[in-house]
C-alpha atoms as a PDB file:
ATOM      1  CA  MET A   1      -0.047   0.239   0.094  1.00  0.00           C
ATOM      2  CA  GLY A   2       1.468   3.175  -1.127  1.00  0.00           C
ATOM      3  CA  MET A   3       0.551   6.704  -0.635  1.00  0.00           C
ATOM      4  CA  SER A   4       1.737   9.577  -2.948  1.00  0.00           C
ATOM      5  CA  VAL A   5       1.426  12.985  -1.200  1.00  0.00           C
ATOM      6  CA  GLY A   6       1.993  15.979  -3.461  1.00  0.00           C
ATOM      7  CA  ALA A   7       3.667  19.176  -2.764  1.00  0.00           C
ATOM      8  CA  GLY A   8       0.253  21.043  -3.714  1.00  0.00           C
ATOM      9  CA  GLY A   9      -1.629  19.944  -0.807  1.00  0.00           C
ATOM     10  CA  GLY A  10      -4.163  17.242  -2.352  1.00  0.00           C
ATOM     11  CA  GLY A  11      -3.924  18.520  -5.623  1.00  0.00           C
ATOM     12  CA  ARG A  12      -5.242  22.180  -5.500  1.00  0.00           C
ATOM     13  CA  GLY A  13      -2.205  23.697  -7.222  1.00  0.00           C
ATOM     14  CA  GLY A  14      -1.218  25.282  -3.827  1.00  0.00           C
ATOM     15  CA  ARG A  15      -3.962  28.064  -3.574  1.00  0.00           C
ATOM     16  CA  GLY A  16      -6.216  26.096  -0.878  1.00  0.00           C
ATOM     17  CA  ARG A  17      -9.159  27.380  -2.786  1.00  0.00           C
ATOM     18  CA  ARG A  18     -10.454  26.545  -6.305  1.00  0.00           C
ATOM     19  CA  GLY A  19      -9.016  29.660  -8.132  1.00  0.00           C
ATOM     20  CA  ARG A  20     -11.125  32.193  -6.242  1.00  0.00           C
ATOM     21  CA  ARG A  21      -9.041  35.062  -4.420  1.00  0.00           C
ATOM     22  CA  ASN A  22     -10.486  36.897  -1.352  1.00  0.00           C
ATOM     23  CA  THR A  23     -12.748  39.510  -3.156  1.00  0.00           C
ATOM     24  CA  LEU A  24     -14.879  42.178  -1.232  1.00  0.00           C
ATOM     25  CA  VAL A  25     -18.592  41.516  -1.435  1.00  0.00           C
ATOM     26  CA  SER A  26     -20.032  44.645  -2.904  1.00  0.00           C
ATOM     27  CA  GLU A  27     -23.920  43.590  -2.112  1.00  0.00           C
ATOM     28  CA  ILE A  28     -25.772  45.323   0.987  1.00  0.00           C
ATOM     29  CA  ASN A  29     -27.127  43.003   3.473  1.00  0.00           C
ATOM     30  CA  VAL A  30     -30.725  44.068   3.636  1.00  0.00           C
ATOM     31  CA  THR A  31     -31.986  41.618   6.461  1.00  0.00           C
ATOM     32  CA  PRO A  32     -30.687  43.781   9.320  1.00  0.00           C
ATOM     33  CA  LEU A  33     -31.956  46.916   7.722  1.00  0.00           C
ATOM     34  CA  VAL A  34     -35.338  45.339   7.540  1.00  0.00           C
ATOM     35  CA  ASP A  35     -35.365  44.101  10.961  1.00  0.00           C
ATOM     36  CA  VAL A  36     -34.300  47.476  12.237  1.00  0.00           C
ATOM     37  CA  MET A  37     -37.102  49.185  10.461  1.00  0.00           C
ATOM     38  CA  LEU A  38     -39.562  46.740  11.629  1.00  0.00           C
ATOM     39  CA  VAL A  39     -38.748  47.424  15.400  1.00  0.00           C
ATOM     40  CA  LEU A  40     -39.057  51.287  14.681  1.00  0.00           C
ATOM     41  CA  LEU A  41     -42.430  50.911  13.150  1.00  0.00           C
ATOM     42  CA  ILE A  42     -43.552  48.907  16.278  1.00  0.00           C
ATOM     43  CA  ILE A  43     -42.113  51.498  18.477  1.00  0.00           C
ATOM     44  CA  PHE A  44     -43.893  54.214  16.551  1.00  0.00           C
ATOM     45  CA  MET A  45     -47.272  52.476  16.179  1.00  0.00           C
ATOM     46  CA  VAL A  46     -47.173  51.896  20.072  1.00  0.00           C
ATOM     47  CA  ALA A  47     -45.831  55.412  20.947  1.00  0.00           C
ATOM     48  CA  ALA A  48     -48.065  57.414  18.455  1.00  0.00           C
ATOM     49  CA  PRO A  49     -51.380  57.090  20.410  1.00  0.00           C
ATOM     50  CA  MET A  50     -49.597  58.535  23.444  1.00  0.00           C
ATOM     51  CA  MET A  51     -48.539  61.611  21.737  1.00  0.00           C
ATOM     52  CA  THR A  52     -52.021  63.400  21.581  1.00  0.00           C
ATOM     53  CA  VAL A  53     -52.847  66.414  23.204  1.00  0.00           C
ATOM     54  CA  GLY A  54     -50.759  66.578  26.330  1.00  0.00           C
ATOM     55  CA  VAL A  55     -53.234  68.908  28.540  1.00  0.00           C
ATOM     56  CA  PRO A  56     -54.900  66.581  31.089  1.00  0.00           C
ATOM     57  CA  ILE A  57     -58.666  67.279  30.902  1.00  0.00           C
ATOM     58  CA  ASP A  58     -61.528  64.855  31.943  1.00  0.00           C
ATOM     59  CA  LEU A  59     -63.653  64.805  28.925  1.00  0.00           C
ATOM     60  CA  PRO A  60     -67.655  64.155  29.046  1.00  0.00           C
ATOM     61  CA  GLU A  61     -68.671  61.019  27.587  1.00  0.00           C
ATOM     62  CA  THR A  62     -71.088  60.806  24.759  1.00  0.00           C
ATOM     63  CA  GLN A  63     -72.883  58.538  22.396  1.00  0.00           C
ATOM     64  CA  ALA A  64     -71.116  60.257  19.357  1.00  0.00           C
ATOM     65  CA  LYS A  65     -69.230  58.496  16.701  1.00  0.00           C
ATOM     66  CA  ALA A  66     -65.340  58.950  16.352  1.00  0.00           C
ATOM     67  CA  LEU A  67     -63.973  61.163  13.410  1.00  0.00           C
ATOM     68  CA  ASN A  68     -61.498  60.248  11.197  1.00  0.00           C
ATOM     69  CA  SER A  69     -58.748  62.972  10.274  1.00  0.00           C
ATOM     70  CA  ASP A  70     -55.657  62.443   8.249  1.00  0.00           C
ATOM     71  CA  THR A  71     -53.981  65.555   9.502  1.00  0.00           C
ATOM     72  CA  GLN A  72     -52.934  66.949  12.785  1.00  0.00           C
ATOM     73  CA  PRO A  73     -55.946  68.587  14.408  1.00  0.00           C
ATOM     74  CA  ILE A  74     -55.863  72.063  15.996  1.00  0.00           C
ATOM     75  CA  THR A  75     -56.958  71.778  19.551  1.00  0.00           C
ATOM     76  CA  VAL A  76     -58.320  74.425  21.996  1.00  0.00           C
ATOM     77  CA  SER A  77     -58.542  72.852  25.449  1.00  0.00           C
ATOM     78  CA  VAL A  78     -60.058  74.456  28.495  1.00  0.00           C
ATOM     79  CA  ASN A  79     -59.262  72.691  31.777  1.00  0.00           C
ATOM     80  CA  GLN A  80     -61.152  72.573  35.175  1.00  0.00           C
ATOM     81  CA  GLY A  81     -59.372  75.729  36.420  1.00  0.00           C
ATOM     82  CA  GLY A  82     -60.615  77.824  33.308  1.00  0.00           C
ATOM     83  CA  GLN A  83     -57.011  77.872  31.740  1.00  0.00           C
ATOM     84  CA  ILE A  84     -57.016  78.020  28.162  1.00  0.00           C
ATOM     85  CA  PHE A  85     -54.536  75.792  25.886  1.00  0.00           C
ATOM     86  CA  LEU A  86     -53.605  76.006  22.115  1.00  0.00           C
ATOM     87  CA  GLN A  87     -52.469  72.702  21.463  1.00  0.00           C
ATOM     88  CA  GLU A  88     -50.414  72.297  24.439  1.00  0.00           C
ATOM     89  CA  THR A  89     -49.288  75.880  25.086  1.00  0.00           C
ATOM     90  CA  GLU A  90     -51.300  78.025  27.888  1.00  0.00           C
ATOM     91  CA  ILE A  91     -52.693  81.126  26.154  1.00  0.00           C
ATOM     92  CA  PRO A  92     -54.948  83.826  27.474  1.00  0.00           C
ATOM     93  CA  ILE A  93     -58.264  84.010  26.042  1.00  0.00           C
ATOM     94  CA  GLU A  94     -57.372  87.445  24.160  1.00  0.00           C
ATOM     95  CA  GLU A  95     -54.855  85.526  22.186  1.00  0.00           C
ATOM     96  CA  VAL A  96     -56.851  82.643  20.909  1.00  0.00           C
ATOM     97  CA  VAL A  97     -58.054  84.472  17.616  1.00  0.00           C
ATOM     98  CA  ALA A  98     -54.675  85.978  16.707  1.00  0.00           C
ATOM     99  CA  LYS A  99     -53.031  82.470  17.219  1.00  0.00           C
ATOM    100  CA  LEU A 100     -55.749  80.783  15.017  1.00  0.00           C
ATOM    101  CA  GLU A 101     -55.637  83.365  12.400  1.00  0.00           C
ATOM    102  CA  ALA A 102     -51.887  83.170  12.199  1.00  0.00           C
ATOM    103  CA  ILE A 103     -52.205  79.196  11.844  1.00  0.00           C
ATOM    104  CA  ALA A 104     -54.752  79.840   9.067  1.00  0.00           C
ATOM    105  CA  LYS A 105     -52.565  82.113   7.136  1.00  0.00           C
ATOM    106  CA  THR A 106     -50.252  78.958   6.594  1.00  0.00           C
ATOM    107  CA  GLY A 107     -53.180  77.259   4.678  1.00  0.00           C
ATOM    108  CA  TYR A 108     -54.977  75.348   7.429  1.00  0.00           C
ATOM    109  CA  GLU A 109     -58.423  74.696   6.579  1.00  0.00           C
ATOM    110  CA  GLU A 110     -59.369  71.653   8.925  1.00  0.00           C
ATOM    111  CA  ARG A 111     -61.708  71.346  11.679  1.00  0.00           C
ATOM    112  CA  ILE A 112     -60.749  73.111  15.081  1.00  0.00           C
ATOM    113  CA  TYR A 113     -61.576  71.087  18.095  1.00  0.00           C
ATOM    114  CA  VAL A 114     -62.570  72.663  21.507  1.00  0.00           C
ATOM    115  CA  ARG A 115     -61.966  70.395  24.304  1.00  0.00           C
ATOM    116  CA  GLY A 116     -63.448  71.311  27.508  1.00  0.00           C
ATOM    117  CA  ASP A 117     -63.179  69.681  30.905  1.00  0.00           C
ATOM    118  CA  LYS A 118     -66.377  68.052  32.003  1.00  0.00           C
ATOM    119  CA  THR A 119     -66.061  70.192  35.434  1.00  0.00           C
ATOM    120  CA  ALA A 120     -64.768  73.518  33.650  1.00  0.00           C
ATOM    121  CA  ASP A 121     -66.991  76.662  33.540  1.00  0.00           C
ATOM    122  CA  TYR A 122     -69.771  76.142  30.691  1.00  0.00           C
ATOM    123  CA  GLY A 123     -69.553  79.947  30.176  1.00  0.00           C
ATOM    124  CA  THR A 124     -65.554  79.861  29.622  1.00  0.00           C
ATOM    125  CA  VAL A 125     -66.014  76.894  27.103  1.00  0.00           C
ATOM    126  CA  MET A 126     -68.794  78.956  25.089  1.00  0.00           C
ATOM    127  CA  GLN A 127     -66.593  82.179  25.448  1.00  0.00           C
ATOM    128  CA  VAL A 128     -63.796  80.417  23.547  1.00  0.00           C
ATOM    129  CA  MET A 129     -66.177  78.898  21.054  1.00  0.00           C
ATOM    130  CA  ALA A 130     -67.825  82.292  20.497  1.00  0.00           C
ATOM    131  CA  ARG A 131     -64.378  84.089  19.879  1.00  0.00           C
ATOM    132  CA  ILE A 132     -63.279  81.337  17.212  1.00  0.00           C
ATOM    133  CA  SER A 133     -66.695  81.472  15.591  1.00  0.00           C
ATOM    134  CA  ALA A 134     -66.739  85.347  15.600  1.00  0.00           C
ATOM    135  CA  ALA A 135     -63.300  85.380  14.062  1.00  0.00           C
ATOM    136  CA  GLY A 136     -64.673  83.500  10.793  1.00  0.00           C
ATOM    137  CA  PHE A 137     -63.740  79.855  11.674  1.00  0.00           C
ATOM    138  CA  ARG A 138     -66.990  77.797  10.914  1.00  0.00           C
ATOM    139  CA  ASN A 139     -65.596  74.359  11.102  1.00  0.00           C
ATOM    140  CA  ILE A 140     -65.418  74.090  14.911  1.00  0.00           C
ATOM    141  CA  GLY A 141     -65.988  70.579  16.872  1.00  0.00           C
ATOM    142  CA  LEU A 142     -66.246  69.813  20.592  1.00  0.00           C
ATOM    143  CA  VAL A 143     -64.364  66.779  21.715  1.00  0.00           C
ATOM    144  CA  THR A 144     -65.983  64.236  23.984  1.00  0.00           C
ATOM    145  CA  LEU A 145     -65.240  60.530  24.986  1.00  0.00           C
ATOM    146  CA  GLN A 146     -67.345  57.629  23.711  1.00  0.00           C
ATOM    147  CA  GLU A 147     -69.734  56.239  26.495  1.00  0.00           C
ATOM    148  CA  GLN A 148     -68.620  52.890  27.636  1.00  0.00           C
ATOM    149  CA  ASP A 149     -71.777  50.394  27.862  1.00  0.00           C
ATOM    150  CA  GLN A 150     -71.740  49.086  31.567  1.00  0.00           C
END
């Protein structure tokens, strides 16, 4: 029994691989990118409902159906202490119309939502709505919670 051992290391010509050289792979591995994007999508889907208007208000409950809106709505809120907020910024009642008119100049034509705490003074909520209406804004909505069947 004889064995022949070549100097080439098994008949491969001394290269160790079959003629391939070490080359750089110029392709992008998309799998990690897709994984990261899916994780970010899930994070934003969970966090988006939490990023609604940040003024803590105890809204009254009604049987009205929810409205669908594709754009970020403008909200004017009145808390139980009578303080008025445009989005999340407290403003005096005299500045409500001026701020809304400045926003309207940017081309905003959607509904303006008024949120009133259920323990807020009815007169204050109506003063805010009257000022908005008197300024020419006709698309005004009141925000409530849907009644829960018990």
